[in-house]
PDB file of all heavy atoms in Angstrom:
ATOM      1  N   GLN A   1     -13.803 -75.907  67.465  1.00  0.00           N
ATOM      2  CA  GLN A   1     -14.919 -76.323  66.632  1.00  0.00           C
ATOM      3  C   GLN A   1     -15.972 -75.235  66.501  1.00  0.00           C
ATOM      4  O   GLN A   1     -16.892 -75.354  65.706  1.00  0.00           O
ATOM      5  CB  GLN A   1     -15.569 -77.579  67.221  1.00  0.00           C
ATOM      6  CG  GLN A   1     -14.600 -78.740  67.354  1.00  0.00           C
ATOM      7  CD  GLN A   1     -15.275 -79.929  67.992  1.00  0.00           C
ATOM      8  OE1 GLN A   1     -16.453 -80.206  67.733  1.00  0.00           O
ATOM      9  NE2 GLN A   1     -14.540 -80.641  68.830  1.00  0.00           N
ATOM     10  N   ALA A   2     -15.845 -74.182  67.334  1.00  0.00           N
ATOM     11  CA  ALA A   2     -16.881 -73.145  67.336  1.00  0.00           C
ATOM     12  C   ALA A   2     -16.432 -71.870  66.642  1.00  0.00           C
ATOM     13  O   ALA A   2     -17.118 -70.869  66.685  1.00  0.00           O
ATOM     14  CB  ALA A   2     -17.287 -72.823  68.773  1.00  0.00           C
ATOM     15  N   LYS A   3     -15.262 -71.893  66.001  1.00  0.00           N
ATOM     16  CA  LYS A   3     -14.733 -70.655  65.452  1.00  0.00           C
ATOM     17  C   LYS A   3     -15.614 -70.047  64.375  1.00  0.00           C
ATOM     18  O   LYS A   3     -15.653 -68.839  64.185  1.00  0.00           O
ATOM     19  CB  LYS A   3     -13.327 -70.888  64.892  1.00  0.00           C
ATOM     20  CG  LYS A   3     -12.261 -70.941  65.985  1.00  0.00           C
ATOM     21  CD  LYS A   3     -10.862 -70.995  65.399  1.00  0.00           C
ATOM     22  CE  LYS A   3      -9.809 -70.924  66.471  1.00  0.00           C
ATOM     23  NZ  LYS A   3      -8.440 -70.954  65.923  1.00  0.00           N
ATOM     24  N   ASP A   4     -16.282 -70.920  63.658  1.00  0.00           N
ATOM     25  CA  ASP A   4     -17.116 -70.419  62.569  1.00  0.00           C
ATOM     26  C   ASP A   4     -18.530 -70.088  63.007  1.00  0.00           C
ATOM     27  O   ASP A   4     -19.365 -69.705  62.204  1.00  0.00           O
ATOM     28  CB  ASP A   4     -17.170 -71.449  61.443  1.00  0.00           C
ATOM     29  CG  ASP A   4     -15.793 -71.664  60.841  1.00  0.00           C
ATOM     30  OD1 ASP A   4     -15.011 -70.688  60.832  1.00  0.00           O
ATOM     31  OD2 ASP A   4     -15.522 -72.796  60.404  1.00  0.00           O
ATOM     32  N   LYS A   5     -18.800 -70.243  64.297  1.00  0.00           N
ATOM     33  CA  LYS A   5     -20.159 -70.014  64.804  1.00  0.00           C
ATOM     34  C   LYS A   5     -20.381 -68.522  65.024  1.00  0.00           C
ATOM     35  O   LYS A   5     -19.530 -67.826  65.546  1.00  0.00           O
ATOM     36  CB  LYS A   5     -20.330 -70.770  66.131  1.00  0.00           C
ATOM     37  CG  LYS A   5     -21.587 -70.450  66.875  1.00  0.00           C
ATOM     38  CD  LYS A   5     -21.598 -71.228  68.175  1.00  0.00           C
ATOM     39  CE  LYS A   5     -22.728 -70.803  69.067  1.00  0.00           C
ATOM     40  NZ  LYS A   5     -22.640 -69.454  69.535  1.00  0.00           N
ATOM     41  N   ASP A   6     -21.512 -68.013  64.561  1.00  0.00           N
ATOM     42  CA  ASP A   6     -21.841 -66.621  64.807  1.00  0.00           C
ATOM     43  C   ASP A   6     -22.118 -66.411  66.273  1.00  0.00           C
ATOM     44  O   ASP A   6     -22.748 -67.233  66.932  1.00  0.00           O
ATOM     45  CB  ASP A   6     -23.092 -66.203  64.003  1.00  0.00           C
ATOM     46  CG  ASP A   6     -22.793 -66.176  62.519  1.00  0.00           C
ATOM     47  OD1 ASP A   6     -21.614 -65.977  62.158  1.00  0.00           O
ATOM     48  OD2 ASP A   6     -23.753 -66.372  61.740  1.00  0.00           O
ATOM     49  N   ILE A   7     -21.651 -65.310  66.806  1.00  0.00           N
ATOM     50  CA  ILE A   7     -21.902 -64.986  68.203  1.00  0.00           C
ATOM     51  C   ILE A   7     -23.339 -64.503  68.343  1.00  0.00           C
ATOM     52  O   ILE A   7     -23.754 -63.552  67.690  1.00  0.00           O
ATOM     53  CB  ILE A   7     -20.928 -63.893  68.702  1.00  0.00           C
ATOM     54  CG1 ILE A   7     -19.484 -64.413  68.596  1.00  0.00           C
ATOM     55  CG2 ILE A   7     -21.257 -63.495  70.122  1.00  0.00           C
ATOM     56  CD1 ILE A   7     -18.466 -63.363  68.938  1.00  0.00           C
ATOM     57  N   GLU A   8     -24.082 -65.166  69.228  1.00  0.00           N
ATOM     58  CA  GLU A   8     -25.482 -64.791  69.451  1.00  0.00           C
ATOM     59  C   GLU A   8     -25.538 -63.562  70.355  1.00  0.00           C
ATOM     60  O   GLU A   8     -24.991 -63.563  71.452  1.00  0.00           O
ATOM     61  CB  GLU A   8     -26.231 -65.940  70.119  1.00  0.00           C
ATOM     62  CG  GLU A   8     -27.680 -65.601  70.413  1.00  0.00           C
ATOM     63  CD  GLU A   8     -28.374 -66.715  71.167  1.00  0.00           C
ATOM     64  OE1 GLU A   8     -27.714 -67.729  71.433  1.00  0.00           O
ATOM     65  OE2 GLU A   8     -29.557 -66.553  71.488  1.00  0.00           O
ATOM     66  N   ARG A   9     -26.163 -62.526  69.911  1.00  0.00           N
ATOM     67  CA  ARG A   9     -26.260 -61.308  70.707  1.00  0.00           C
ATOM     68  C   ARG A   9     -27.644 -61.255  71.345  1.00  0.00           C
ATOM     69  O   ARG A   9     -28.649 -61.338  70.670  1.00  0.00           O
ATOM     70  CB  ARG A   9     -26.016 -60.071  69.852  1.00  0.00           C
ATOM     71  CG  ARG A   9     -24.624 -60.078  69.231  1.00  0.00           C
ATOM     72  CD  ARG A   9     -24.187 -58.708  68.785  1.00  0.00           C
ATOM     73  NE  ARG A   9     -22.831 -58.734  68.302  1.00  0.00           N
ATOM     74  CZ  ARG A   9     -21.765 -58.613  69.051  1.00  0.00           C
ATOM     75  NH1 ARG A   9     -21.897 -58.465  70.355  1.00  0.00           N
ATOM     76  NH2 ARG A   9     -20.555 -58.652  68.529  1.00  0.00           N
ATOM     77  N   VAL A  10     -27.631 -61.109  72.684  1.00  0.00           N
ATOM     78  CA  VAL A  10     -28.877 -61.131  73.439  1.00  0.00           C
ATOM     79  C   VAL A  10     -29.404 -59.713  73.581  1.00  0.00           C
ATOM     80  O   VAL A  10     -28.680 -58.802  73.989  1.00  0.00           O
ATOM     81  CB  VAL A  10     -28.642 -61.746  74.837  1.00  0.00           C
ATOM     82  CG1 VAL A  10     -29.938 -61.750  75.626  1.00  0.00           C
ATOM     83  CG2 VAL A  10     -28.083 -63.157  74.702  1.00  0.00           C
ATOM     84  N   SER A  11     -30.647 -59.500  73.242  1.00  0.00           N
ATOM     85  CA  SER A  11     -31.257 -58.188  73.400  1.00  0.00           C
ATOM     86  C   SER A  11     -31.400 -57.852  74.873  1.00  0.00           C
ATOM     87  O   SER A  11     -31.759 -58.697  75.672  1.00  0.00           O
ATOM     88  CB  SER A  11     -32.641 -58.157  72.737  1.00  0.00           C
ATOM     89  OG  SER A  11     -32.529 -58.419  71.364  1.00  0.00           O
ATOM     90  N   VAL A  12     -31.106 -56.619  75.229  1.00  0.00           N
ATOM     91  CA  VAL A  12     -31.239 -56.177  76.611  1.00  0.00           C
ATOM     92  C   VAL A  12     -32.312 -55.116  76.666  1.00  0.00           C
ATOM     93  O   VAL A  12     -32.085 -53.959  76.333  1.00  0.00           O
ATOM     94  CB  VAL A  12     -29.901 -55.615  77.154  1.00  0.00           C
ATOM     95  CG1 VAL A  12     -30.056 -55.194  78.602  1.00  0.00           C
ATOM     96  CG2 VAL A  12     -28.808 -56.657  77.030  1.00  0.00           C
ATOM     97  N   TYR A  13     -33.513 -55.524  77.041  1.00  0.00           N
ATOM     98  CA  TYR A  13     -34.588 -54.559  77.194  1.00  0.00           C
ATOM     99  C   TYR A  13     -34.357 -53.777  78.477  1.00  0.00           C
ATOM    100  O   TYR A  13     -33.593 -54.163  79.337  1.00  0.00           O
ATOM    101  CB  TYR A  13     -35.931 -55.282  77.267  1.00  0.00           C
ATOM    102  CG  TYR A  13     -36.200 -56.187  76.110  1.00  0.00           C
ATOM    103  CD1 TYR A  13     -36.088 -57.571  76.243  1.00  0.00           C
ATOM    104  CD2 TYR A  13     -36.560 -55.676  74.872  1.00  0.00           C
ATOM    105  CE1 TYR A  13     -36.326 -58.415  75.170  1.00  0.00           C
ATOM    106  CE2 TYR A  13     -36.799 -56.512  73.798  1.00  0.00           C
ATOM    107  CZ  TYR A  13     -36.682 -57.876  73.955  1.00  0.00           C
ATOM    108  OH  TYR A  13     -36.913 -58.701  72.904  1.00  0.00           O
ATOM    109  N   GLY A  14     -35.065 -52.671  78.632  1.00  0.00           N
ATOM    110  CA  GLY A  14     -34.954 -51.917  79.875  1.00  0.00           C
ATOM    111  C   GLY A  14     -33.846 -50.887  79.828  1.00  0.00           C
ATOM    112  O   GLY A  14     -33.694 -50.107  80.734  1.00  0.00           O
ATOM    113  N   GLN A  15     -33.038 -50.909  78.782  1.00  0.00           N
ATOM    114  CA  GLN A  15     -32.023 -49.888  78.657  1.00  0.00           C
ATOM    115  C   GLN A  15     -32.636 -48.601  78.089  1.00  0.00           C
ATOM    116  O   GLN A  15     -32.013 -47.564  78.117  1.00  0.00           O
ATOM    117  CB  GLN A  15     -30.887 -50.378  77.753  1.00  0.00           C
ATOM    118  CG  GLN A  15     -30.292 -51.707  78.200  1.00  0.00           C
ATOM    119  CD  GLN A  15     -29.844 -51.694  79.634  1.00  0.00           C
ATOM    120  OE1 GLN A  15     -29.069 -50.831  80.029  1.00  0.00           O
ATOM    121  NE2 GLN A  15     -30.322 -52.619  80.426  1.00  0.00           N
ATOM    122  N   HIS A  16     -33.823 -48.722  77.536  1.00  0.00           N
ATOM    123  CA  HIS A  16     -34.519 -47.534  77.081  1.00  0.00           C
ATOM    124  C   HIS A  16     -35.637 -47.213  78.073  1.00  0.00           C
ATOM    125  O   HIS A  16     -36.118 -48.071  78.797  1.00  0.00           O
ATOM    126  CB  HIS A  16     -35.076 -47.718  75.661  1.00  0.00           C
ATOM    127  CG  HIS A  16     -35.926 -48.942  75.509  1.00  0.00           C
ATOM    128  ND1 HIS A  16     -37.264 -48.962  75.820  1.00  0.00           N
ATOM    129  CD2 HIS A  16     -35.612 -50.191  75.091  1.00  0.00           C
ATOM    130  CE1 HIS A  16     -37.772 -50.158  75.583  1.00  0.00           C
ATOM    131  NE2 HIS A  16     -36.781 -50.938  75.151  1.00  0.00           N
ATOM    132  N   HIS A  17     -36.037 -45.977  78.083  1.00  0.00           N
ATOM    133  CA  HIS A  17     -36.966 -45.484  79.101  1.00  0.00           C
ATOM    134  C   HIS A  17     -38.319 -46.185  79.016  1.00  0.00           C
ATOM    135  O   HIS A  17     -38.766 -46.589  77.963  1.00  0.00           O
ATOM    136  CB  HIS A  17     -37.134 -43.976  78.902  1.00  0.00           C
ATOM    137  CG  HIS A  17     -37.706 -43.277  80.091  1.00  0.00           C
ATOM    138  ND1 HIS A  17     -37.286 -43.518  81.374  1.00  0.00           N
ATOM    139  CD2 HIS A  17     -38.673 -42.333  80.187  1.00  0.00           C
ATOM    140  CE1 HIS A  17     -37.962 -42.746  82.204  1.00  0.00           C
ATOM    141  NE2 HIS A  17     -38.815 -42.027  81.511  1.00  0.00           N
ATOM    142  N   LYS A  18     -38.933 -46.343  80.167  1.00  0.00           N
ATOM    143  CA  LYS A  18     -40.304 -46.835  80.308  1.00  0.00           C
ATOM    144  C   LYS A  18     -40.470 -48.318  79.992  1.00  0.00           C
ATOM    145  O   LYS A  18     -41.527 -48.728  79.545  1.00  0.00           O
ATOM    146  CB  LYS A  18     -41.289 -46.020  79.444  1.00  0.00           C
ATOM    147  CG  LYS A  18     -41.173 -44.518  79.625  1.00  0.00           C
ATOM    148  CD  LYS A  18     -41.283 -44.086  81.056  1.00  0.00           C
ATOM    149  CE  LYS A  18     -41.162 -42.577  81.170  1.00  0.00           C
ATOM    150  NZ  LYS A  18     -40.846 -42.129  82.527  1.00  0.00           N
ATOM    151  N   ASN A  19     -39.451 -49.122  80.195  1.00  0.00           N
ATOM    152  CA  ASN A  19     -39.628 -50.565  80.122  1.00  0.00           C
ATOM    153  C   ASN A  19     -38.791 -51.183  81.219  1.00  0.00           C
ATOM    154  O   ASN A  19     -37.610 -50.890  81.332  1.00  0.00           O
ATOM    155  CB  ASN A  19     -39.193 -51.107  78.763  1.00  0.00           C
ATOM    156  CG  ASN A  19     -39.776 -52.492  78.514  1.00  0.00           C
ATOM    157  OD1 ASN A  19     -40.319 -53.107  79.417  1.00  0.00           O
ATOM    158  ND2 ASN A  19     -39.657 -52.954  77.286  1.00  0.00           N
ATOM    159  N   TYR A  20     -39.413 -52.028  82.037  1.00  0.00           N
ATOM    160  CA  TYR A  20     -38.751 -52.513  83.240  1.00  0.00           C
ATOM    161  C   TYR A  20     -38.243 -53.943  83.100  1.00  0.00           C
ATOM    162  O   TYR A  20     -37.980 -54.610  84.088  1.00  0.00           O
ATOM    163  CB  TYR A  20     -39.719 -52.429  84.429  1.00  0.00           C
ATOM    164  CG  TYR A  20     -40.170 -51.019  84.742  1.00  0.00           C
ATOM    165  CD1 TYR A  20     -41.399 -50.776  85.354  1.00  0.00           C
ATOM    166  CD2 TYR A  20     -39.372 -49.930  84.430  1.00  0.00           C
ATOM    167  CE1 TYR A  20     -41.812 -49.489  85.655  1.00  0.00           C
ATOM    168  CE2 TYR A  20     -39.780 -48.641  84.711  1.00  0.00           C
ATOM    169  CZ  TYR A  20     -40.992 -48.419  85.325  1.00  0.00           C
ATOM    170  OH  TYR A  20     -41.405 -47.143  85.611  1.00  0.00           O
ATOM    171  N   ILE A  21     -38.101 -54.446  81.882  1.00  0.00           N
ATOM    172  CA  ILE A  21     -37.610 -55.805  81.699  1.00  0.00           C
ATOM    173  C   ILE A  21     -36.154 -55.767  81.222  1.00  0.00           C
ATOM    174  O   ILE A  21     -35.783 -54.968  80.382  1.00  0.00           O
ATOM    175  CB  ILE A  21     -38.483 -56.588  80.695  1.00  0.00           C
ATOM    176  CG1 ILE A  21     -37.995 -58.024  80.566  1.00  0.00           C
ATOM    177  CG2 ILE A  21     -38.522 -55.922  79.354  1.00  0.00           C
ATOM    178  CD1 ILE A  21     -38.890 -58.906  79.723  1.00  0.00           C
ATOM    179  N   THR A  22     -35.329 -56.628  81.808  1.00  0.00           N
ATOM    180  CA  THR A  22     -33.955 -56.818  81.377  1.00  0.00           C
ATOM    181  C   THR A  22     -33.698 -58.309  81.295  1.00  0.00           C
ATOM    182  O   THR A  22     -33.985 -59.040  82.232  1.00  0.00           O
ATOM    183  CB  THR A  22     -32.971 -56.159  82.372  1.00  0.00           C
ATOM    184  OG1 THR A  22     -33.286 -54.776  82.488  1.00  0.00           O
ATOM    185  CG2 THR A  22     -31.545 -56.312  81.896  1.00  0.00           C
ATOM    186  N   GLU A  23     -33.159 -58.782  80.174  1.00  0.00           N
ATOM    187  CA  GLU A  23     -32.961 -60.216  80.002  1.00  0.00           C
ATOM    188  C   GLU A  23     -31.578 -60.683  80.428  1.00  0.00           C
ATOM    189  O   GLU A  23     -31.391 -61.843  80.759  1.00  0.00           O
ATOM    190  CB  GLU A  23     -33.177 -60.599  78.537  1.00  0.00           C
ATOM    191  CG  GLU A  23     -34.632 -60.653  78.131  1.00  0.00           C
ATOM    192  CD  GLU A  23     -34.805 -61.370  76.802  1.00  0.00           C
ATOM    193  OE1 GLU A  23     -33.862 -62.034  76.359  1.00  0.00           O
ATOM    194  OE2 GLU A  23     -35.886 -61.255  76.218  1.00  0.00           O
ATOM    195  N   GLN A  24     -30.582 -59.795  80.404  1.00  0.00           N
ATOM    196  CA  GLN A  24     -29.211 -60.216  80.623  1.00  0.00           C
ATOM    197  C   GLN A  24     -28.784 -59.923  82.057  1.00  0.00           C
ATOM    198  O   GLN A  24     -29.075 -58.869  82.613  1.00  0.00           O
ATOM    199  CB  GLN A  24     -28.274 -59.476  79.661  1.00  0.00           C
ATOM    200  CG  GLN A  24     -26.847 -59.976  79.677  1.00  0.00           C
ATOM    201  CD  GLN A  24     -26.696 -61.297  78.952  1.00  0.00           C
ATOM    202  OE1 GLN A  24     -27.563 -61.694  78.189  1.00  0.00           O
ATOM    203  NE2 GLN A  24     -25.601 -61.984  79.209  1.00  0.00           N
ATOM    204  N   ALA A  25     -28.090 -60.874  82.688  1.00  0.00           N
ATOM    205  CA  ALA A  25     -27.505 -60.676  84.007  1.00  0.00           C
ATOM    206  C   ALA A  25     -26.353 -61.654  84.153  1.00  0.00           C
ATOM    207  O   ALA A  25     -26.526 -62.857  83.994  1.00  0.00           O
ATOM    208  CB  ALA A  25     -28.539 -60.895  85.112  1.00  0.00           C
ATOM    209  N   ASP A  26     -25.150 -61.145  84.439  1.00  0.00           N
ATOM    210  CA  ASP A  26     -23.959 -61.981  84.491  1.00  0.00           C
ATOM    211  C   ASP A  26     -23.584 -62.401  85.904  1.00  0.00           C
ATOM    212  O   ASP A  26     -22.575 -63.071  86.099  1.00  0.00           O
ATOM    213  CB  ASP A  26     -22.779 -61.237  83.862  1.00  0.00           C
ATOM    214  CG  ASP A  26     -22.995 -60.971  82.374  1.00  0.00           C
ATOM    215  OD1 ASP A  26     -23.628 -61.810  81.728  1.00  0.00           O
ATOM    216  OD2 ASP A  26     -22.529 -59.927  81.892  1.00  0.00           O
ATOM    217  N   SER A  27     -24.372 -62.006  86.906  1.00  0.00           N
ATOM    218  CA  SER A  27     -23.982 -62.234  88.293  1.00  0.00           C
ATOM    219  C   SER A  27     -23.944 -63.706  88.664  1.00  0.00           C
ATOM    220  O   SER A  27     -23.188 -64.111  89.543  1.00  0.00           O
ATOM    221  CB  SER A  27     -24.956 -61.509  89.232  1.00  0.00           C
ATOM    222  OG  SER A  27     -25.101 -60.165  88.861  1.00  0.00           O
ATOM    223  N   ALA A  28     -24.780 -64.540  88.030  1.00  0.00           N
ATOM    224  CA  ALA A  28     -24.957 -65.907  88.491  1.00  0.00           C
ATOM    225  C   ALA A  28     -23.960 -66.896  87.906  1.00  0.00           C
ATOM    226  O   ALA A  28     -23.704 -67.927  88.518  1.00  0.00           O
ATOM    227  CB  ALA A  28     -26.383 -66.372  88.187  1.00  0.00           C
ATOM    228  N   SER A  29     -23.387 -66.615  86.707  1.00  0.00           N
ATOM    229  CA  SER A  29     -22.608 -67.678  86.074  1.00  0.00           C
ATOM    230  C   SER A  29     -21.386 -67.228  85.284  1.00  0.00           C
ATOM    231  O   SER A  29     -20.488 -68.024  85.048  1.00  0.00           O
ATOM    232  CB  SER A  29     -23.520 -68.469  85.131  1.00  0.00           C
ATOM    233  OG  SER A  29     -23.906 -67.661  84.031  1.00  0.00           O
ATOM    234  N   LYS A  30     -21.320 -65.994  84.792  1.00  0.00           N
ATOM    235  CA  LYS A  30     -20.270 -65.509  83.892  1.00  0.00           C
ATOM    236  C   LYS A  30     -20.269 -66.238  82.545  1.00  0.00           C
ATOM    237  O   LYS A  30     -19.301 -66.151  81.785  1.00  0.00           O
ATOM    238  CB  LYS A  30     -18.883 -65.638  84.527  1.00  0.00           C
ATOM    239  CG  LYS A  30     -18.639 -64.721  85.708  1.00  0.00           C
ATOM    240  CD  LYS A  30     -17.222 -64.871  86.229  1.00  0.00           C
ATOM    241  CE  LYS A  30     -16.966 -63.930  87.393  1.00  0.00           C
ATOM    242  NZ  LYS A  30     -15.625 -64.113  87.968  1.00  0.00           N
ATOM    243  N   LEU A  31     -21.322 -66.967  82.249  1.00  0.00           N
ATOM    244  CA  LEU A  31     -21.390 -67.747  81.014  1.00  0.00           C
ATOM    245  C   LEU A  31     -22.014 -66.980  79.856  1.00  0.00           C
ATOM    246  O   LEU A  31     -22.096 -67.492  78.741  1.00  0.00           O
ATOM    247  CB  LEU A  31     -22.178 -69.041  81.251  1.00  0.00           C
ATOM    248  CG  LEU A  31     -21.504 -70.073  82.151  1.00  0.00           C
ATOM    249  CD1 LEU A  31     -22.475 -71.192  82.511  1.00  0.00           C
ATOM    250  CD2 LEU A  31     -20.262 -70.649  81.481  1.00  0.00           C
ATOM    251  N   GLY A  32     -22.487 -65.768  80.121  1.00  0.00           N
ATOM    252  CA  GLY A  32     -23.097 -64.983  79.060  1.00  0.00           C
ATOM    253  C   GLY A  32     -24.467 -65.471  78.653  1.00  0.00           C
ATOM    254  O   GLY A  32     -24.924 -65.191  77.542  1.00  0.00           O
ATOM    255  N   ILE A  33     -25.148 -66.197  79.548  1.00  0.00           N
ATOM    256  CA  ILE A  33     -26.480 -66.709  79.233  1.00  0.00           C
ATOM    257  C   ILE A  33     -27.531 -65.751  79.781  1.00  0.00           C
ATOM    258  O   ILE A  33     -27.252 -64.903  80.623  1.00  0.00           O
ATOM    259  CB  ILE A  33     -26.682 -68.126  79.798  1.00  0.00           C
ATOM    260  CG1 ILE A  33     -26.482 -68.132  81.320  1.00  0.00           C
ATOM    261  CG2 ILE A  33     -25.726 -69.095  79.135  1.00  0.00           C
ATOM    262  CD1 ILE A  33     -26.681 -69.497  81.959  1.00  0.00           C
ATOM    263  N   THR A  34     -28.754 -65.908  79.302  1.00  0.00           N
ATOM    264  CA  THR A  34     -29.825 -65.007  79.709  1.00  0.00           C
ATOM    265  C   THR A  34     -30.403 -65.432  81.060  1.00  0.00           C
ATOM    266  O   THR A  34     -30.126 -66.523  81.571  1.00  0.00           O
ATOM    267  CB  THR A  34     -30.948 -65.010  78.665  1.00  0.00           C
ATOM    268  OG1 THR A  34     -31.556 -66.310  78.650  1.00  0.00           O
ATOM    269  CG2 THR A  34     -30.418 -64.669  77.288  1.00  0.00           C
ATOM    270  N   ILE A  35     -31.227 -64.563  81.618  1.00  0.00           N
ATOM    271  CA  ILE A  35     -31.908 -64.874  82.868  1.00  0.00           C
ATOM    272  C   ILE A  35     -32.773 -66.118  82.702  1.00  0.00           C
ATOM    273  O   ILE A  35     -32.844 -66.967  83.597  1.00  0.00           O
ATOM    274  CB  ILE A  35     -32.759 -63.673  83.321  1.00  0.00           C
ATOM    275  CG1 ILE A  35     -31.849 -62.501  83.710  1.00  0.00           C
ATOM    276  CG2 ILE A  35     -33.661 -64.049  84.490  1.00  0.00           C
ATOM    277  CD1 ILE A  35     -32.586 -61.240  84.055  1.00  0.00           C
TER     278      ILE A  35
END
C-alpha cells in the first residue's frame, strides 16, 4: 500500500563544518526515524 509513497528524506545537519546538530541516528531502532 506504500509503493506510491514518496520516501521522506531527513536532513542531517552537522555534516558541514561549524554546526554541532545531527538529527539522524540509527542506533536505537533501525527504523530510519529521527532522534
